[in-house]
Amino acid sequence: MYRATTREIQVTATPRYVAERSEPDQGRYFWAYTIEVSNLGQETVQLKARHWYITDGHGNVEEVHGVGVVGEEPLLPPGGKFEYTSGVPLNTATGIMSGRYDMQTEGGEGFSIEIPAFSLDAPDARRVLN
């Protein structure tokens, strides 16, 4: 589990390797990840957009931008939570995901919150650090 808190909005990421959707002998690996966004603050906020940076084991970075998450722009009142699960394919047995969500207060103020960097590692993968 990986966690980051920005402006009293906590983002928790939990990745897991999905062997049944992976074909390592053909260079295809797949992970599911569950994200929980929790409003620990006192004002209602809305998640408006996502910005992901997906880095494979060769250092290639793919950027993914879009409105909301999983087709929604969740509204989070104080104490509110939103959870979703999505997935990511890679052509390497290791990788890293990180990013940010663009949020907006009820008063219209926009701000960004951190999505914690999390590791994507197939069970038998060996990460090489230079």
C-alpha atoms as a PDB file:
ATOM      1  CA  MET A   1       0.000   0.000   0.000  1.00  0.00           C
ATOM      2  CA  TYR A   2       1.240   3.476  -0.933  1.00  0.00           C
ATOM      3  CA  ARG A   3      -0.154   6.711   0.515  1.00  0.00           C
ATOM      4  CA  ALA A   4       0.146  10.481   0.016  1.00  0.00           C
ATOM      5  CA  THR A   5      -1.769  13.373   1.580  1.00  0.00           C
ATOM      6  CA  THR A   6      -2.124  16.809  -0.020  1.00  0.00           C
ATOM      7  CA  ARG A   7      -4.356  19.557   1.416  1.00  0.00           C
ATOM      8  CA  GLU A   8      -6.078  17.035   3.672  1.00  0.00           C
ATOM      9  CA  ILE A   9      -6.975  14.769   0.746  1.00  0.00           C
ATOM     10  CA  GLN A  10      -5.429  11.323   1.183  1.00  0.00           C
ATOM     11  CA  VAL A  11      -4.764   9.036  -1.780  1.00  0.00           C
ATOM     12  CA  THR A  12      -4.011   5.372  -1.121  1.00  0.00           C
ATOM     13  CA  ALA A  13      -2.854   3.066  -3.948  1.00  0.00           C
ATOM     14  CA  THR A  14      -2.783  -0.723  -3.729  1.00  0.00           C
ATOM     15  CA  PRO A  15      -1.403  -2.503  -6.832  1.00  0.00           C
ATOM     16  CA  ARG A  16      -1.512  -6.225  -7.538  1.00  0.00           C
ATOM     17  CA  TYR A  17      -0.075  -8.324 -10.347  1.00  0.00           C
ATOM     18  CA  VAL A  18      -2.740 -10.173 -12.363  1.00  0.00           C
ATOM     19  CA  ALA A  19      -1.167 -13.411 -13.565  1.00  0.00           C
ATOM     20  CA  GLU A  20      -4.291 -14.601 -15.411  1.00  0.00           C
ATOM     21  CA  ARG A  21      -4.194 -11.516 -17.683  1.00  0.00           C
ATOM     22  CA  SER A  22      -0.421 -11.638 -18.205  1.00  0.00           C
ATOM     23  CA  GLU A  23       1.631 -13.542 -20.797  1.00  0.00           C
ATOM     24  CA  PRO A  24       5.273 -13.177 -19.672  1.00  0.00           C
ATOM     25  CA  ASP A  25       6.597 -15.382 -22.495  1.00  0.00           C
ATOM     26  CA  GLN A  26       5.112 -12.834 -24.937  1.00  0.00           C
ATOM     27  CA  GLY A  27       6.225  -9.754 -22.984  1.00  0.00           C
ATOM     28  CA  ARG A  28       2.752  -8.842 -21.694  1.00  0.00           C
ATOM     29  CA  TYR A  29       2.221  -8.073 -18.023  1.00  0.00           C
ATOM     30  CA  PHE A  30      -0.879  -6.719 -16.319  1.00  0.00           C
ATOM     31  CA  TRP A  31      -1.554  -5.104 -12.941  1.00  0.00           C
ATOM     32  CA  ALA A  32      -4.761  -4.016 -11.264  1.00  0.00           C
ATOM     33  CA  TYR A  33      -4.622  -1.146  -8.813  1.00  0.00           C
ATOM     34  CA  THR A  34      -7.162   0.100  -6.319  1.00  0.00           C
ATOM     35  CA  ILE A  35      -7.221   3.777  -5.459  1.00  0.00           C
ATOM     36  CA  GLU A  36      -8.997   5.249  -2.444  1.00  0.00           C
ATOM     37  CA  VAL A  37      -9.391   9.029  -2.209  1.00  0.00           C
ATOM     38  CA  SER A  38     -10.377  10.229   1.283  1.00  0.00           C
ATOM     39  CA  ASN A  39     -11.353  13.761   2.260  1.00  0.00           C
ATOM     40  CA  LEU A  40      -9.828  14.354   5.704  1.00  0.00           C
ATOM     41  CA  GLY A  41     -10.579  18.092   5.541  1.00  0.00           C
ATOM     42  CA  GLN A  42     -13.524  20.337   6.299  1.00  0.00           C
ATOM     43  CA  GLU A  43     -14.545  21.402   2.798  1.00  0.00           C
ATOM     44  CA  THR A  44     -16.296  19.504  -0.003  1.00  0.00           C
ATOM     45  CA  VAL A  45     -14.078  18.853  -3.014  1.00  0.00           C
ATOM     46  CA  GLN A  46     -14.552  17.249  -6.414  1.00  0.00           C
ATOM     47  CA  LEU A  47     -12.076  15.175  -8.413  1.00  0.00           C
ATOM     48  CA  LYS A  48     -12.067  16.730 -11.889  1.00  0.00           C
ATOM     49  CA  ALA A  49      -9.149  15.133 -13.804  1.00  0.00           C
ATOM     50  CA  ARG A  50      -6.321  12.620 -13.657  1.00  0.00           C
ATOM     51  CA  HIS A  51      -2.717  12.778 -14.841  1.00  0.00           C
ATOM     52  CA  TRP A  52      -0.767   9.510 -14.757  1.00  0.00           C
ATOM     53  CA  TYR A  53       2.907   8.868 -15.488  1.00  0.00           C
ATOM     54  CA  ILE A  54       3.525   5.188 -16.231  1.00  0.00           C
ATOM     55  CA  THR A  55       7.183   4.172 -16.468  1.00  0.00           C
ATOM     56  CA  ASP A  56       8.126   0.709 -17.723  1.00  0.00           C
ATOM     57  CA  GLY A  57      11.230  -1.276 -16.804  1.00  0.00           C
ATOM     58  CA  HIS A  58      13.190   0.325 -19.678  1.00  0.00           C
ATOM     59  CA  GLY A  59      12.479   3.852 -18.449  1.00  0.00           C
ATOM     60  CA  ASN A  60       9.901   4.645 -21.153  1.00  0.00           C
ATOM     61  CA  VAL A  61       7.233   7.003 -19.804  1.00  0.00           C
ATOM     62  CA  GLU A  62       3.629   7.100 -20.969  1.00  0.00           C
ATOM     63  CA  GLU A  63       1.453  10.003 -19.858  1.00  0.00           C
ATOM     64  CA  VAL A  64      -2.284   9.479 -19.475  1.00  0.00           C
ATOM     65  CA  HIS A  65      -4.611  12.457 -18.951  1.00  0.00           C
ATOM     66  CA  GLY A  66      -8.354  12.532 -18.747  1.00  0.00           C
ATOM     67  CA  VAL A  67     -11.504  13.844 -17.146  1.00  0.00           C
ATOM     68  CA  GLY A  68     -12.376  12.278 -13.790  1.00  0.00           C
ATOM     69  CA  VAL A  69     -11.702   8.623 -13.020  1.00  0.00           C
ATOM     70  CA  VAL A  70     -13.518   5.523 -14.341  1.00  0.00           C
ATOM     71  CA  GLY A  71     -16.108   7.776 -15.988  1.00  0.00           C
ATOM     72  CA  GLU A  72     -16.897   9.716 -12.813  1.00  0.00           C
ATOM     73  CA  GLU A  73     -16.048  13.057 -11.226  1.00  0.00           C
ATOM     74  CA  PRO A  74     -16.676  12.101  -7.595  1.00  0.00           C
ATOM     75  CA  LEU A  75     -17.783  14.697  -5.056  1.00  0.00           C
ATOM     76  CA  LEU A  76     -16.164  14.201  -1.643  1.00  0.00           C
ATOM     77  CA  PRO A  77     -17.784  15.908   1.354  1.00  0.00           C
ATOM     78  CA  PRO A  78     -15.805  16.150   4.608  1.00  0.00           C
ATOM     79  CA  GLY A  79     -15.117  12.565   5.719  1.00  0.00           C
ATOM     80  CA  GLY A  80     -16.129  11.229   2.292  1.00  0.00           C
ATOM     81  CA  LYS A  81     -14.285   8.515   0.370  1.00  0.00           C
ATOM     82  CA  PHE A  82     -14.239   7.272  -3.209  1.00  0.00           C
ATOM     83  CA  GLU A  83     -12.663   3.981  -4.272  1.00  0.00           C
ATOM     84  CA  TYR A  84     -12.127   2.496  -7.704  1.00  0.00           C
ATOM     85  CA  THR A  85     -10.092  -0.240  -9.357  1.00  0.00           C
ATOM     86  CA  SER A  86      -8.455   0.011 -12.757  1.00  0.00           C
ATOM     87  CA  GLY A  87      -5.624  -1.717 -14.589  1.00  0.00           C
ATOM     88  CA  VAL A  88      -2.455  -1.142 -16.538  1.00  0.00           C
ATOM     89  CA  PRO A  89      -0.590  -3.321 -19.058  1.00  0.00           C
ATOM     90  CA  LEU A  90       3.183  -3.146 -19.517  1.00  0.00           C
ATOM     91  CA  ASN A  91       5.619  -4.848 -21.854  1.00  0.00           C
ATOM     92  CA  THR A  92       8.139  -5.255 -19.004  1.00  0.00           C
ATOM     93  CA  ALA A  93       7.940  -7.197 -15.741  1.00  0.00           C
ATOM     94  CA  THR A  94       8.525  -4.050 -13.669  1.00  0.00           C
ATOM     95  CA  GLY A  95       7.357  -0.465 -13.710  1.00  0.00           C
ATOM     96  CA  ILE A  96       6.245   2.502 -11.665  1.00  0.00           C
ATOM     97  CA  MET A  97       3.092   4.621 -11.714  1.00  0.00           C
ATOM     98  CA  SER A  98       2.669   8.083 -10.229  1.00  0.00           C
ATOM     99  CA  GLY A  99       0.634  11.170 -10.920  1.00  0.00           C
ATOM    100  CA  ARG A 100      -1.835  13.709  -9.669  1.00  0.00           C
ATOM    101  CA  TYR A 101      -5.538  14.456  -9.510  1.00  0.00           C
ATOM    102  CA  ASP A 102      -6.914  17.898 -10.273  1.00  0.00           C
ATOM    103  CA  MET A 103      -9.453  18.838  -7.629  1.00  0.00           C
ATOM    104  CA  GLN A 104     -11.904  21.701  -7.168  1.00  0.00           C
ATOM    105  CA  THR A 105     -13.512  23.158  -4.046  1.00  0.00           C
ATOM    106  CA  GLU A 106     -17.198  24.087  -3.920  1.00  0.00           C
ATOM    107  CA  GLY A 107     -16.073  27.691  -4.233  1.00  0.00           C
ATOM    108  CA  GLY A 108     -14.368  26.932  -7.558  1.00  0.00           C
ATOM    109  CA  GLU A 109     -10.723  26.902  -6.391  1.00  0.00           C
ATOM    110  CA  GLY A 110      -8.661  24.397  -8.339  1.00  0.00           C
ATOM    111  CA  PHE A 111      -5.693  22.534  -6.889  1.00  0.00           C
ATOM    112  CA  SER A 112      -3.711  19.357  -7.517  1.00  0.00           C
ATOM    113  CA  ILE A 113      -3.094  16.447  -5.168  1.00  0.00           C
ATOM    114  CA  GLU A 114      -0.368  13.830  -5.358  1.00  0.00           C
ATOM    115  CA  ILE A 115      -0.988  10.232  -6.339  1.00  0.00           C
ATOM    116  CA  PRO A 116       1.816   8.348  -4.577  1.00  0.00           C
ATOM    117  CA  ALA A 117       4.352   6.579  -6.778  1.00  0.00           C
ATOM    118  CA  PHE A 118       3.804   2.829  -6.617  1.00  0.00           C
ATOM    119  CA  SER A 119       5.804  -0.095  -7.861  1.00  0.00           C
ATOM    120  CA  LEU A 120       4.601  -2.614 -10.417  1.00  0.00           C
ATOM    121  CA  ASP A 121       6.600  -5.821 -10.070  1.00  0.00           C
ATOM    122  CA  ALA A 122       5.759  -9.267 -11.427  1.00  0.00           C
ATOM    123  CA  PRO A 123       6.400 -11.929  -8.756  1.00  0.00           C
ATOM    124  CA  ASP A 124       9.608 -13.230 -10.370  1.00  0.00           C
ATOM    125  CA  ALA A 125      10.845  -9.873 -11.672  1.00  0.00           C
ATOM    126  CA  ARG A 126      14.204  -8.486 -10.657  1.00  0.00           C
ATOM    127  CA  ARG A 127      14.535  -4.721 -10.649  1.00  0.00           C
ATOM    128  CA  VAL A 128      17.959  -3.487 -11.768  1.00  0.00           C
ATOM    129  CA  LEU A 129      19.099  -0.179 -10.286  1.00  0.00           C
ATOM    130  CA  ASN A 130      21.840   1.781 -12.017  1.00  0.00           C
END
